[in-house]
Amino acid sequence: MIHPFPGGAEAQAQLAQKQKELVAKLPGGDIPRLQRGQPNATLVRYEGKANGGAEGQEASLCTTCKALYQNKRWFFDEKLAKKLAGTDKVKEVICPTCRKIKDHYYEGVLTLSGPFFQERQEEILTLLKNEAGKVAGRSVQDRIISITPEGDDKLVVETTTEKLAQALGKAVYRAYKGELDIRWSEMNKFVRVYWRR
């Protein structure tokens, strides 16, 4: 029988033992992990309570929006962010969403237009900001990148995710009816949403 590991079972056992020894030498016995989107940036182990009292988890803090990364997800916790900011218990980084905003990398575009929109522009803009605020409270990734007027009767809203552009378009449609057209790209990673009335 041919063993799937080069050098056979004995070589595999030796390698596993060597890995255990190397891990044991690390502080806290943990394997340092790279944060997604942050080449060569390791996450730091801290001994605090966050997100339901989980202890000894890796954590990062976004220096821009103050979102925390723990248990493989980003979330907002204002009190904990203030407590941990500037300490050695977290690694200060820029979260993927803030990097998208900085690089102006948008995955959704909402275009609002029409004579009704022109009359109620301020009211609809307030609705968009409120809806985006609700979504941002649930999800760190969903944010508005820019709101750009194009002429008197057209507004273009760029979002960090396709889901937010779709949610904003649907919110305006629920409130004011009109025509809603949602166009996905072939790979479903980019969406253009058009609302007109």
C-alpha atoms as a PDB file:
ATOM      1  CA  MET A   1       0.000   0.000   0.000  1.00  0.00           C
ATOM      2  CA  ILE A   2       1.280   3.454  -0.898  1.00  0.00           C
ATOM      3  CA  HIS A   3       1.021   5.971   1.924  1.00  0.00           C
ATOM      4  CA  PRO A   4      -0.473   9.355   0.889  1.00  0.00           C
ATOM      5  CA  PHE A   5       2.182  11.257   2.861  1.00  0.00           C
ATOM      6  CA  PRO A   6       5.701  11.446   1.291  1.00  0.00           C
ATOM      7  CA  GLY A   7       8.049   9.410   3.465  1.00  0.00           C
ATOM      8  CA  GLY A   8       5.275   7.256   4.911  1.00  0.00           C
ATOM      9  CA  ALA A   9       3.447   7.159   8.216  1.00  0.00           C
ATOM     10  CA  GLU A  10       6.629   7.563  10.264  1.00  0.00           C
ATOM     11  CA  ALA A  11       7.576  10.818   8.493  1.00  0.00           C
ATOM     12  CA  GLN A  12       4.020  12.093   8.953  1.00  0.00           C
ATOM     13  CA  ALA A  13       4.158  11.357  12.706  1.00  0.00           C
ATOM     14  CA  GLN A  14       7.535  13.135  13.015  1.00  0.00           C
ATOM     15  CA  LEU A  15       6.185  16.207  11.227  1.00  0.00           C
ATOM     16  CA  ALA A  16       3.095  16.289  13.453  1.00  0.00           C
ATOM     17  CA  GLN A  17       5.312  16.085  16.568  1.00  0.00           C
ATOM     18  CA  LYS A  18       7.542  18.898  15.283  1.00  0.00           C
ATOM     19  CA  GLN A  19       4.465  21.086  14.638  1.00  0.00           C
ATOM     20  CA  LYS A  20       3.207  20.452  18.196  1.00  0.00           C
ATOM     21  CA  GLU A  21       6.594  21.475  19.612  1.00  0.00           C
ATOM     22  CA  LEU A  22       6.637  24.686  17.567  1.00  0.00           C
ATOM     23  CA  VAL A  23       3.085  25.582  18.622  1.00  0.00           C
ATOM     24  CA  ALA A  24       3.961  24.925  22.288  1.00  0.00           C
ATOM     25  CA  LYS A  25       6.759  27.534  22.018  1.00  0.00           C
ATOM     26  CA  LEU A  26       4.309  30.236  20.913  1.00  0.00           C
ATOM     27  CA  PRO A  27       2.953  32.612  23.596  1.00  0.00           C
ATOM     28  CA  GLY A  28      -0.369  31.277  24.812  1.00  0.00           C
ATOM     29  CA  GLY A  29       0.108  28.132  22.718  1.00  0.00           C
ATOM     30  CA  ASP A  30      -1.855  29.595  19.826  1.00  0.00           C
ATOM     31  CA  ILE A  31      -1.047  29.611  16.157  1.00  0.00           C
ATOM     32  CA  PRO A  32      -0.868  33.235  14.966  1.00  0.00           C
ATOM     33  CA  ARG A  33      -3.366  33.872  12.190  1.00  0.00           C
ATOM     34  CA  LEU A  34      -3.428  36.453   9.450  1.00  0.00           C
ATOM     35  CA  GLN A  35      -6.399  38.744   9.221  1.00  0.00           C
ATOM     36  CA  ARG A  36      -8.171  38.550   5.875  1.00  0.00           C
ATOM     37  CA  GLY A  37      -7.083  41.420   3.664  1.00  0.00           C
ATOM     38  CA  GLN A  38      -4.170  42.352   5.938  1.00  0.00           C
ATOM     39  CA  PRO A  39      -1.007  40.674   4.605  1.00  0.00           C
ATOM     40  CA  ASN A  40       1.559  39.974   7.323  1.00  0.00           C
ATOM     41  CA  ALA A  41      -0.617  41.472  10.085  1.00  0.00           C
ATOM     42  CA  THR A  42      -1.142  39.038  12.935  1.00  0.00           C
ATOM     43  CA  LEU A  43      -4.028  39.166  15.336  1.00  0.00           C
ATOM     44  CA  VAL A  44      -3.230  39.445  19.013  1.00  0.00           C
ATOM     45  CA  ARG A  45      -4.545  37.222  21.783  1.00  0.00           C
ATOM     46  CA  TYR A  46      -6.162  39.136  24.641  1.00  0.00           C
ATOM     47  CA  GLU A  47      -7.622  38.024  27.926  1.00  0.00           C
ATOM     48  CA  GLY A  48     -10.804  40.081  28.014  1.00  0.00           C
ATOM     49  CA  LYS A  49     -14.521  39.582  27.664  1.00  0.00           C
ATOM     50  CA  ALA A  50     -16.211  40.529  24.429  1.00  0.00           C
ATOM     51  CA  ASN A  51     -19.280  39.437  22.540  1.00  0.00           C
ATOM     52  CA  GLY A  52     -21.065  37.240  25.030  1.00  0.00           C
ATOM     53  CA  GLY A  53     -18.215  36.811  27.486  1.00  0.00           C
ATOM     54  CA  ALA A  54     -15.928  34.806  25.202  1.00  0.00           C
ATOM     55  CA  GLU A  55     -12.479  34.870  26.776  1.00  0.00           C
ATOM     56  CA  GLY A  56      -9.024  34.521  25.282  1.00  0.00           C
ATOM     57  CA  GLN A  57     -10.076  35.257  21.709  1.00  0.00           C
ATOM     58  CA  GLU A  58      -8.090  37.048  19.046  1.00  0.00           C
ATOM     59  CA  ALA A  59      -9.226  40.628  18.460  1.00  0.00           C
ATOM     60  CA  SER A  60      -8.584  43.590  16.202  1.00  0.00           C
ATOM     61  CA  LEU A  61      -9.935  47.140  16.341  1.00  0.00           C
ATOM     62  CA  CYS A  62     -10.554  49.283  13.271  1.00  0.00           C
ATOM     63  CA  THR A  63      -8.932  52.673  13.809  1.00  0.00           C
ATOM     64  CA  THR A  64     -11.434  54.335  11.457  1.00  0.00           C
ATOM     65  CA  CYS A  65     -14.899  53.073  12.461  1.00  0.00           C
ATOM     66  CA  LYS A  66     -14.025  51.428  15.833  1.00  0.00           C
ATOM     67  CA  ALA A  67     -15.451  48.045  14.785  1.00  0.00           C
ATOM     68  CA  LEU A  68     -14.027  45.009  16.569  1.00  0.00           C
ATOM     69  CA  TYR A  69     -12.958  41.719  14.990  1.00  0.00           C
ATOM     70  CA  GLN A  70     -13.390  38.615  17.098  1.00  0.00           C
ATOM     71  CA  ASN A  71     -14.531  35.033  16.511  1.00  0.00           C
ATOM     72  CA  LYS A  72     -14.084  35.492  12.762  1.00  0.00           C
ATOM     73  CA  ARG A  73     -16.524  38.392  12.450  1.00  0.00           C
ATOM     74  CA  TRP A  74     -16.612  42.190  12.627  1.00  0.00           C
ATOM     75  CA  PHE A  75     -19.080  43.898  14.981  1.00  0.00           C
ATOM     76  CA  PHE A  76     -19.690  47.208  16.747  1.00  0.00           C
ATOM     77  CA  ASP A  77     -19.371  47.466  20.536  1.00  0.00           C
ATOM     78  CA  GLU A  78     -18.743  51.083  21.486  1.00  0.00           C
ATOM     79  CA  LYS A  79     -17.966  50.480  25.178  1.00  0.00           C
ATOM     80  CA  LEU A  80     -15.530  47.655  24.507  1.00  0.00           C
ATOM     81  CA  ALA A  81     -13.849  49.583  21.675  1.00  0.00           C
ATOM     82  CA  LYS A  82     -13.218  52.564  23.996  1.00  0.00           C
ATOM     83  CA  LYS A  83     -11.891  50.247  26.703  1.00  0.00           C
ATOM     84  CA  LEU A  84      -9.504  48.393  24.382  1.00  0.00           C
ATOM     85  CA  ALA A  85      -8.360  51.311  22.178  1.00  0.00           C
ATOM     86  CA  GLY A  86      -4.678  52.080  22.649  1.00  0.00           C
ATOM     87  CA  THR A  87      -4.000  48.945  24.716  1.00  0.00           C
ATOM     88  CA  ASP A  88      -1.880  45.950  23.804  1.00  0.00           C
ATOM     89  CA  LYS A  89      -4.957  43.713  24.023  1.00  0.00           C
ATOM     90  CA  VAL A  90      -5.989  44.423  20.421  1.00  0.00           C
ATOM     91  CA  LYS A  91      -4.253  44.923  17.133  1.00  0.00           C
ATOM     92  CA  GLU A  92      -5.252  48.247  15.563  1.00  0.00           C
ATOM     93  CA  VAL A  93      -6.030  47.811  11.852  1.00  0.00           C
ATOM     94  CA  ILE A  94      -8.312  49.186   9.142  1.00  0.00           C
ATOM     95  CA  CYS A  95     -11.333  46.934   8.612  1.00  0.00           C
ATOM     96  CA  PRO A  96     -12.184  45.641   5.113  1.00  0.00           C
ATOM     97  CA  THR A  97     -15.230  47.940   4.868  1.00  0.00           C
ATOM     98  CA  CYS A  98     -13.255  51.091   5.701  1.00  0.00           C
ATOM     99  CA  ARG A  99     -10.634  49.988   3.178  1.00  0.00           C
ATOM    100  CA  LYS A 100     -13.389  49.666   0.532  1.00  0.00           C
ATOM    101  CA  ILE A 101     -14.568  53.194   1.368  1.00  0.00           C
ATOM    102  CA  LYS A 102     -11.020  54.571   1.253  1.00  0.00           C
ATOM    103  CA  ASP A 103     -10.340  52.861  -2.098  1.00  0.00           C
ATOM    104  CA  HIS A 104     -13.806  53.830  -3.400  1.00  0.00           C
ATOM    105  CA  TYR A 105     -14.548  50.169  -4.156  1.00  0.00           C
ATOM    106  CA  TYR A 106     -18.313  49.834  -4.437  1.00  0.00           C
ATOM    107  CA  GLU A 107     -20.398  46.716  -5.106  1.00  0.00           C
ATOM    108  CA  GLY A 108     -23.788  48.393  -5.407  1.00  0.00           C
ATOM    109  CA  VAL A 109     -25.148  51.507  -7.108  1.00  0.00           C
ATOM    110  CA  LEU A 110     -28.606  52.954  -6.499  1.00  0.00           C
ATOM    111  CA  THR A 111     -29.837  55.590  -8.947  1.00  0.00           C
ATOM    112  CA  LEU A 112     -32.898  57.655  -7.997  1.00  0.00           C
ATOM    113  CA  SER A 113     -34.558  59.886 -10.577  1.00  0.00           C
ATOM    114  CA  GLY A 114     -37.759  61.456 -11.854  1.00  0.00           C
ATOM    115  CA  PRO A 115     -39.941  64.514 -11.237  1.00  0.00           C
ATOM    116  CA  PHE A 116     -41.397  63.061  -7.999  1.00  0.00           C
ATOM    117  CA  PHE A 117     -37.864  62.475  -6.710  1.00  0.00           C
ATOM    118  CA  GLN A 118     -36.971  66.076  -7.550  1.00  0.00           C
ATOM    119  CA  GLU A 119     -39.923  67.339  -5.458  1.00  0.00           C
ATOM    120  CA  ARG A 120     -39.240  65.054  -2.474  1.00  0.00           C
ATOM    121  CA  GLN A 121     -35.444  64.819  -2.647  1.00  0.00           C
ATOM    122  CA  GLU A 122     -34.733  65.824   0.979  1.00  0.00           C
ATOM    123  CA  GLU A 123     -37.396  63.481   2.343  1.00  0.00           C
ATOM    124  CA  ILE A 124     -36.108  60.537   0.297  1.00  0.00           C
ATOM    125  CA  LEU A 125     -32.505  61.304   1.255  1.00  0.00           C
ATOM    126  CA  THR A 126     -33.503  61.198   4.939  1.00  0.00           C
ATOM    127  CA  LEU A 127     -35.195  57.834   4.348  1.00  0.00           C
ATOM    128  CA  LEU A 128     -32.018  56.482   2.713  1.00  0.00           C
ATOM    129  CA  LYS A 129     -29.801  57.618   5.588  1.00  0.00           C
ATOM    130  CA  ASN A 130     -32.177  56.165   8.191  1.00  0.00           C
ATOM    131  CA  GLU A 131     -32.399  52.839   6.356  1.00  0.00           C
ATOM    132  CA  ALA A 132     -28.603  52.698   5.958  1.00  0.00           C
ATOM    133  CA  GLY A 133     -28.257  53.417   9.691  1.00  0.00           C
ATOM    134  CA  LYS A 134     -30.562  50.506  10.565  1.00  0.00           C
ATOM    135  CA  VAL A 135     -28.644  48.129   8.317  1.00  0.00           C
ATOM    136  CA  ALA A 136     -25.264  49.345   9.619  1.00  0.00           C
ATOM    137  CA  GLY A 137     -26.408  48.587  13.172  1.00  0.00           C
ATOM    138  CA  ARG A 138     -26.811  44.933  12.171  1.00  0.00           C
ATOM    139  CA  SER A 139     -23.916  44.598   9.736  1.00  0.00           C
ATOM    140  CA  VAL A 140     -20.520  46.285   9.771  1.00  0.00           C
ATOM    141  CA  GLN A 141     -19.981  45.581   6.057  1.00  0.00           C
ATOM    142  CA  ASP A 142     -23.038  47.450   4.726  1.00  0.00           C
ATOM    143  CA  ARG A 143     -22.297  51.178   4.373  1.00  0.00           C
ATOM    144  CA  ILE A 144     -22.861  54.037   1.966  1.00  0.00           C
ATOM    145  CA  ILE A 145     -19.658  55.159   0.242  1.00  0.00           C
ATOM    146  CA  SER A 146     -21.008  58.255  -1.490  1.00  0.00           C
ATOM    147  CA  ILE A 147     -24.179  60.136  -2.398  1.00  0.00           C
ATOM    148  CA  THR A 148     -23.724  62.181  -5.571  1.00  0.00           C
ATOM    149  CA  PRO A 149     -26.354  64.442  -7.158  1.00  0.00           C
ATOM    150  CA  GLU A 150     -26.382  64.389 -10.957  1.00  0.00           C
ATOM    151  CA  GLY A 151     -28.451  67.328 -12.107  1.00  0.00           C
ATOM    152  CA  ASP A 152     -31.630  68.420 -10.349  1.00  0.00           C
ATOM    153  CA  ASP A 153     -33.600  65.202 -10.677  1.00  0.00           C
ATOM    154  CA  LYS A 154     -31.031  62.416 -10.245  1.00  0.00           C
ATOM    155  CA  LEU A 155     -29.065  61.024  -7.296  1.00  0.00           C
ATOM    156  CA  VAL A 156     -26.469  58.220  -7.346  1.00  0.00           C
ATOM    157  CA  VAL A 157     -25.741  56.275  -4.137  1.00  0.00           C
ATOM    158  CA  GLU A 158     -22.708  53.954  -4.046  1.00  0.00           C
ATOM    159  CA  THR A 159     -22.601  51.216  -1.391  1.00  0.00           C
ATOM    160  CA  THR A 160     -19.982  48.803  -0.058  1.00  0.00           C
ATOM    161  CA  THR A 161     -22.235  45.797  -0.675  1.00  0.00           C
ATOM    162  CA  GLU A 162     -24.778  44.815  -3.263  1.00  0.00           C
ATOM    163  CA  LYS A 163     -27.261  43.904  -0.520  1.00  0.00           C
ATOM    164  CA  LEU A 164     -27.341  47.456   0.846  1.00  0.00           C
ATOM    165  CA  ALA A 165     -28.034  49.006  -2.580  1.00  0.00           C
ATOM    166  CA  GLN A 166     -30.884  46.539  -3.053  1.00  0.00           C
ATOM    167  CA  ALA A 167     -32.258  47.170   0.469  1.00  0.00           C
ATOM    168  CA  LEU A 168     -32.188  50.950  -0.042  1.00  0.00           C
ATOM    169  CA  GLY A 169     -33.965  50.676  -3.395  1.00  0.00           C
ATOM    170  CA  LYS A 170     -36.648  48.430  -1.893  1.00  0.00           C
ATOM    171  CA  ALA A 171     -37.124  50.815   1.064  1.00  0.00           C
ATOM    172  CA  VAL A 172     -37.733  53.760  -1.279  1.00  0.00           C
ATOM    173  CA  TYR A 173     -40.103  51.623  -3.365  1.00  0.00           C
ATOM    174  CA  ARG A 174     -42.084  50.528  -0.269  1.00  0.00           C
ATOM    175  CA  ALA A 175     -42.431  54.128   0.876  1.00  0.00           C
ATOM    176  CA  TYR A 176     -43.152  55.863  -2.440  1.00  0.00           C
ATOM    177  CA  LYS A 177     -43.942  53.130  -5.011  1.00  0.00           C
ATOM    178  CA  GLY A 178     -42.733  54.087  -8.518  1.00  0.00           C
ATOM    179  CA  GLU A 179     -40.622  51.866 -10.794  1.00  0.00           C
ATOM    180  CA  LEU A 180     -37.891  49.663  -9.313  1.00  0.00           C
ATOM    181  CA  ASP A 181     -35.404  47.863 -11.559  1.00  0.00           C
ATOM    182  CA  ILE A 182     -32.674  45.641 -10.068  1.00  0.00           C
ATOM    183  CA  ARG A 183     -29.903  44.488 -12.416  1.00  0.00           C
ATOM    184  CA  TRP A 184     -27.324  41.975 -11.195  1.00  0.00           C
ATOM    185  CA  SER A 185     -23.984  41.322 -12.861  1.00  0.00           C
ATOM    186  CA  GLU A 186     -23.299  37.862 -14.272  1.00  0.00           C
ATOM    187  CA  MET A 187     -21.410  36.790 -11.150  1.00  0.00           C
ATOM    188  CA  ASN A 188     -23.961  38.349  -8.738  1.00  0.00           C
ATOM    189  CA  LYS A 189     -21.244  40.400  -7.016  1.00  0.00           C
ATOM    190  CA  PHE A 190     -22.351  43.776  -8.327  1.00  0.00           C
ATOM    191  CA  VAL A 191     -25.821  45.287  -8.600  1.00  0.00           C
ATOM    192  CA  ARG A 192     -27.330  48.376 -10.163  1.00  0.00           C
ATOM    193  CA  VAL A 193     -30.662  49.438  -8.702  1.00  0.00           C
ATOM    194  CA  TYR A 194     -32.800  52.025 -10.486  1.00  0.00           C
ATOM    195  CA  TRP A 195     -35.792  53.735  -8.876  1.00  0.00           C
ATOM    196  CA  ARG A 196     -37.838  56.275 -10.794  1.00  0.00           C
ATOM    197  CA  ARG A 197     -40.993  58.229 -10.107  1.00  0.00           C
END
